[in-house]
Amino acid sequence: MVTKKLVVVAYDISNNKRRKKVADLLEKHGNRVNYSVFECFVSGRELQALKEDADGLIKKKYDSILFYELCATCIEKIDRHGNMSKLFLPTHMV
């Protein structure tokens, strides 16, 4: 059985072309919850590949991408306000 975790990914990318490429990559793995924030429900292997792919798209001198891995207890403490239609809410964590 593959275990998956919720990962919040936030980025600050200075170039429009690079920013679009990163957003397109993240949209394949999760849901946009804010302009530059995604929630991704991924396995450890998928997360590692996602990090490697994202690293190949940015210029580290100018851009940043943050990956926040959330545990099941942390997910229960998420306090959401406003439009929730685009959020991914995992029904269970392993």
N, C-alpha and C. Protein backbone atom coordinates (compact mmCIF):
# COMPACT_ATOMS: atom_id res chain seq x y z
N MET A 1 0.83 -1.17 0.00
CA MET A 1 0.00 0.00 0.00
C MET A 1 0.89 1.25 0.00
N VAL A 2 0.53 2.21 -0.83
CA VAL A 2 1.28 3.46 -0.92
C VAL A 2 0.70 4.45 0.07
N THR A 3 1.56 5.00 0.91
CA THR A 3 1.09 6.02 1.84
C THR A 3 1.24 7.39 1.18
N LYS A 4 0.27 8.23 1.42
CA LYS A 4 0.31 9.58 0.86
C LYS A 4 0.21 10.58 1.98
N LYS A 5 0.70 11.77 1.70
CA LYS A 5 0.65 12.83 2.69
C LYS A 5 0.21 14.12 2.02
N LEU A 6 -0.31 15.02 2.81
CA LEU A 6 -0.70 16.33 2.30
C LEU A 6 0.52 17.24 2.40
N VAL A 7 0.87 17.85 1.28
CA VAL A 7 2.00 18.76 1.22
C VAL A 7 1.50 20.09 0.68
N VAL A 8 1.77 21.15 1.42
CA VAL A 8 1.44 22.49 0.96
C VAL A 8 2.69 23.03 0.28
N VAL A 9 2.52 23.49 -0.95
CA VAL A 9 3.64 24.01 -1.73
C VAL A 9 3.37 25.48 -2.03
N ALA A 10 4.31 26.33 -1.65
CA ALA A 10 4.20 27.76 -1.91
C ALA A 10 5.43 28.20 -2.69
N TYR A 11 5.25 29.14 -3.58
CA TYR A 11 6.40 29.59 -4.36
C TYR A 11 6.39 31.10 -4.55
N ASP A 12 7.58 31.63 -4.78
CA ASP A 12 7.78 33.03 -5.14
C ASP A 12 8.76 33.00 -6.29
N ILE A 13 8.26 33.23 -7.49
CA ILE A 13 9.08 33.11 -8.70
C ILE A 13 9.01 34.42 -9.45
N SER A 14 10.17 34.97 -9.76
CA SER A 14 10.25 36.32 -10.30
C SER A 14 9.94 36.44 -11.79
N ASN A 15 10.04 35.36 -12.51
CA ASN A 15 9.88 35.40 -13.97
C ASN A 15 8.56 34.74 -14.36
N ASN A 16 7.78 35.41 -15.21
CA ASN A 16 6.47 34.90 -15.61
C ASN A 16 6.54 33.52 -16.26
N LYS A 17 7.51 33.31 -17.14
CA LYS A 17 7.63 32.04 -17.86
C LYS A 17 7.95 30.90 -16.89
N ARG A 18 8.89 31.11 -15.98
CA ARG A 18 9.24 30.08 -14.99
C ARG A 18 8.07 29.85 -14.04
N ARG A 19 7.41 30.93 -13.64
CA ARG A 19 6.27 30.80 -12.73
C ARG A 19 5.16 29.96 -13.36
N LYS A 20 4.89 30.16 -14.63
CA LYS A 20 3.86 29.39 -15.34
C LYS A 20 4.25 27.91 -15.40
N LYS A 21 5.51 27.62 -15.66
CA LYS A 21 5.96 26.23 -15.72
C LYS A 21 5.81 25.54 -14.37
N VAL A 22 6.15 26.24 -13.30
CA VAL A 22 6.01 25.66 -11.96
C VAL A 22 4.53 25.45 -11.63
N ALA A 23 3.70 26.43 -11.94
CA ALA A 23 2.26 26.29 -11.68
C ALA A 23 1.68 25.11 -12.47
N ASP A 24 2.07 24.96 -13.72
CA ASP A 24 1.60 23.84 -14.53
C ASP A 24 2.02 22.50 -13.92
N LEU A 25 3.26 22.42 -13.44
CA LEU A 25 3.75 21.21 -12.79
C LEU A 25 2.92 20.90 -11.54
N LEU A 26 2.70 21.89 -10.71
CA LEU A 26 1.97 21.68 -9.46
C LEU A 26 0.51 21.32 -9.72
N GLU A 27 -0.08 21.85 -10.76
CA GLU A 27 -1.47 21.53 -11.08
C GLU A 27 -1.65 20.06 -11.44
N LYS A 28 -0.58 19.41 -11.87
CA LYS A 28 -0.62 17.97 -12.17
C LYS A 28 -0.65 17.14 -10.89
N HIS A 29 -0.25 17.74 -9.77
CA HIS A 29 -0.11 17.00 -8.51
C HIS A 29 -1.06 17.45 -7.41
N GLY A 30 -1.74 18.57 -7.62
CA GLY A 30 -2.59 19.07 -6.55
C GLY A 30 -3.52 20.16 -7.02
N ASN A 31 -4.05 20.87 -6.05
CA ASN A 31 -5.02 21.94 -6.31
C ASN A 31 -4.48 23.27 -5.85
N ARG A 32 -4.68 24.27 -6.68
CA ARG A 32 -4.30 25.64 -6.32
C ARG A 32 -5.29 26.14 -5.28
N VAL A 33 -4.79 26.61 -4.15
CA VAL A 33 -5.65 27.13 -3.10
C VAL A 33 -5.45 28.63 -2.90
N ASN A 34 -4.44 29.17 -3.52
CA ASN A 34 -4.15 30.59 -3.52
C ASN A 34 -3.29 30.83 -4.75
N TYR A 35 -3.04 32.07 -5.10
CA TYR A 35 -2.33 32.34 -6.34
C TYR A 35 -1.03 31.55 -6.46
N SER A 36 -0.26 31.50 -5.41
CA SER A 36 1.02 30.78 -5.48
C SER A 36 1.14 29.71 -4.40
N VAL A 37 0.00 29.09 -4.06
CA VAL A 37 -0.02 28.04 -3.05
C VAL A 37 -0.86 26.87 -3.55
N PHE A 38 -0.30 25.66 -3.42
CA PHE A 38 -0.99 24.44 -3.83
C PHE A 38 -1.04 23.47 -2.67
N GLU A 39 -2.11 22.65 -2.63
CA GLU A 39 -2.17 21.51 -1.73
C GLU A 39 -2.05 20.26 -2.59
N CYS A 40 -1.07 19.43 -2.27
CA CYS A 40 -0.82 18.22 -3.04
C CYS A 40 -0.90 17.01 -2.11
N PHE A 41 -1.61 15.98 -2.53
CA PHE A 41 -1.73 14.74 -1.78
C PHE A 41 -0.90 13.71 -2.54
N VAL A 42 0.32 13.45 -2.06
CA VAL A 42 1.30 12.67 -2.82
C VAL A 42 2.01 11.63 -1.95
N SER A 43 2.55 10.64 -2.61
CA SER A 43 3.39 9.65 -1.93
C SER A 43 4.79 10.24 -1.76
N GLY A 44 5.61 9.58 -0.98
CA GLY A 44 6.99 10.02 -0.79
C GLY A 44 7.76 10.05 -2.10
N ARG A 45 7.56 9.06 -2.92
CA ARG A 45 8.24 8.99 -4.22
C ARG A 45 7.77 10.13 -5.14
N GLU A 46 6.45 10.37 -5.14
CA GLU A 46 5.91 11.47 -5.96
C GLU A 46 6.44 12.82 -5.48
N LEU A 47 6.54 12.99 -4.16
CA LEU A 47 7.04 14.24 -3.62
C LEU A 47 8.50 14.46 -4.02
N GLN A 48 9.30 13.42 -3.94
CA GLN A 48 10.71 13.55 -4.32
C GLN A 48 10.83 13.93 -5.79
N ALA A 49 10.05 13.29 -6.65
CA ALA A 49 10.07 13.62 -8.09
C ALA A 49 9.58 15.05 -8.32
N LEU A 50 8.55 15.46 -7.58
CA LEU A 50 8.02 16.81 -7.71
C LEU A 50 9.08 17.84 -7.33
N LYS A 51 9.79 17.60 -6.23
CA LYS A 51 10.85 18.51 -5.80
C LYS A 51 11.95 18.60 -6.85
N GLU A 52 12.35 17.47 -7.39
CA GLU A 52 13.40 17.46 -8.41
C GLU A 52 12.96 18.20 -9.67
N ASP A 53 11.73 17.95 -10.10
CA ASP A 53 11.21 18.63 -11.29
C ASP A 53 11.12 20.14 -11.06
N ALA A 54 10.64 20.53 -9.89
CA ALA A 54 10.51 21.95 -9.57
C ALA A 54 11.88 22.62 -9.51
N ASP A 55 12.85 21.95 -8.91
CA ASP A 55 14.21 22.50 -8.85
C ASP A 55 14.78 22.77 -10.24
N GLY A 56 14.41 21.92 -11.20
CA GLY A 56 14.90 22.09 -12.56
C GLY A 56 14.25 23.25 -13.30
N LEU A 57 13.18 23.80 -12.75
CA LEU A 57 12.45 24.87 -13.42
C LEU A 57 12.79 26.27 -12.90
N ILE A 58 13.39 26.34 -11.73
CA ILE A 58 13.63 27.64 -11.11
C ILE A 58 15.09 28.08 -11.22
N LYS A 59 15.30 29.35 -10.96
CA LYS A 59 16.66 29.90 -10.80
C LYS A 59 16.80 30.20 -9.32
N LYS A 60 17.64 29.42 -8.66
CA LYS A 60 17.74 29.49 -7.20
C LYS A 60 18.20 30.84 -6.68
N LYS A 61 18.86 31.62 -7.51
CA LYS A 61 19.31 32.95 -7.10
C LYS A 61 18.12 33.90 -6.95
N TYR A 62 17.06 33.67 -7.70
CA TYR A 62 15.92 34.60 -7.74
C TYR A 62 14.61 34.02 -7.20
N ASP A 63 14.44 32.73 -7.24
CA ASP A 63 13.16 32.09 -6.97
C ASP A 63 13.23 31.22 -5.72
N SER A 64 12.04 30.91 -5.17
CA SER A 64 11.98 29.97 -4.05
C SER A 64 10.71 29.15 -4.12
N ILE A 65 10.81 27.90 -3.67
CA ILE A 65 9.67 27.01 -3.54
C ILE A 65 9.76 26.37 -2.16
N LEU A 66 8.65 26.38 -1.44
CA LEU A 66 8.61 25.82 -0.09
C LEU A 66 7.66 24.63 -0.08
N PHE A 67 8.08 23.53 0.54
CA PHE A 67 7.27 22.32 0.66
C PHE A 67 7.02 22.06 2.14
N TYR A 68 5.75 22.11 2.55
CA TYR A 68 5.37 21.87 3.94
C TYR A 68 4.61 20.54 4.00
N GLU A 69 5.23 19.54 4.59
CA GLU A 69 4.57 18.24 4.74
C GLU A 69 3.75 18.26 6.02
N LEU A 70 2.47 17.94 5.90
CA LEU A 70 1.57 17.97 7.05
C LEU A 70 1.24 16.56 7.52
N CYS A 71 1.29 16.37 8.81
CA CYS A 71 0.90 15.08 9.40
C CYS A 71 -0.62 15.05 9.57
N ALA A 72 -1.16 13.90 9.89
CA ALA A 72 -2.61 13.75 10.05
C ALA A 72 -3.14 14.67 11.14
N THR A 73 -2.41 14.81 12.24
CA THR A 73 -2.84 15.69 13.32
C THR A 73 -2.87 17.14 12.86
N CYS A 74 -1.88 17.54 12.07
CA CYS A 74 -1.83 18.91 11.56
C CYS A 74 -3.00 19.19 10.62
N ILE A 75 -3.35 18.21 9.80
CA ILE A 75 -4.45 18.38 8.86
C ILE A 75 -5.75 18.63 9.61
N GLU A 76 -5.95 17.93 10.71
CA GLU A 76 -7.15 18.12 11.52
C GLU A 76 -7.25 19.54 12.09
N LYS A 77 -6.11 20.21 12.21
CA LYS A 77 -6.08 21.55 12.80
C LYS A 77 -6.18 22.67 11.76
N ILE A 78 -6.28 22.32 10.49
CA ILE A 78 -6.39 23.35 9.45
C ILE A 78 -7.70 24.10 9.65
N ASP A 79 -7.61 25.39 9.70
CA ASP A 79 -8.78 26.26 9.90
C ASP A 79 -9.01 27.01 8.58
N ARG A 80 -9.99 26.58 7.82
CA ARG A 80 -10.23 27.14 6.49
C ARG A 80 -11.37 28.16 6.55
N HIS A 81 -11.19 29.26 5.83
CA HIS A 81 -12.20 30.31 5.75
C HIS A 81 -12.39 30.69 4.29
N GLY A 82 -13.59 31.04 3.91
CA GLY A 82 -13.85 31.51 2.56
C GLY A 82 -14.16 30.37 1.61
N ASN A 83 -13.91 30.59 0.33
CA ASN A 83 -14.27 29.66 -0.74
C ASN A 83 -13.43 28.39 -0.65
N MET A 84 -14.07 27.27 -0.41
CA MET A 84 -13.38 25.99 -0.27
C MET A 84 -13.54 25.09 -1.48
N SER A 85 -14.12 25.59 -2.55
CA SER A 85 -14.45 24.72 -3.68
C SER A 85 -13.23 24.11 -4.36
N LYS A 86 -12.07 24.73 -4.28
CA LYS A 86 -10.89 24.22 -4.96
C LYS A 86 -9.97 23.42 -4.06
N LEU A 87 -10.30 23.32 -2.79
CA LEU A 87 -9.40 22.66 -1.85
C LEU A 87 -9.56 21.16 -1.89
N PHE A 88 -8.45 20.48 -1.75
CA PHE A 88 -8.45 19.03 -1.68
C PHE A 88 -8.52 18.64 -0.22
N LEU A 89 -9.52 17.90 0.15
CA LEU A 89 -9.67 17.47 1.53
C LEU A 89 -9.56 15.96 1.59
N PRO A 90 -8.39 15.43 1.92
CA PRO A 90 -8.25 13.97 1.97
C PRO A 90 -9.18 13.37 3.01
N THR A 91 -9.80 12.26 2.64
CA THR A 91 -10.73 11.62 3.55
C THR A 91 -10.01 10.75 4.56
N HIS A 92 -8.80 10.34 4.23
CA HIS A 92 -8.03 9.55 5.18
C HIS A 92 -6.54 9.68 4.87
N MET A 93 -5.75 9.47 5.87
CA MET A 93 -4.30 9.47 5.73
C MET A 93 -3.80 8.12 6.22
N VAL A 94 -2.76 7.64 5.58
CA VAL A 94 -2.17 6.38 6.00
C VAL A 94 -0.81 6.64 6.57
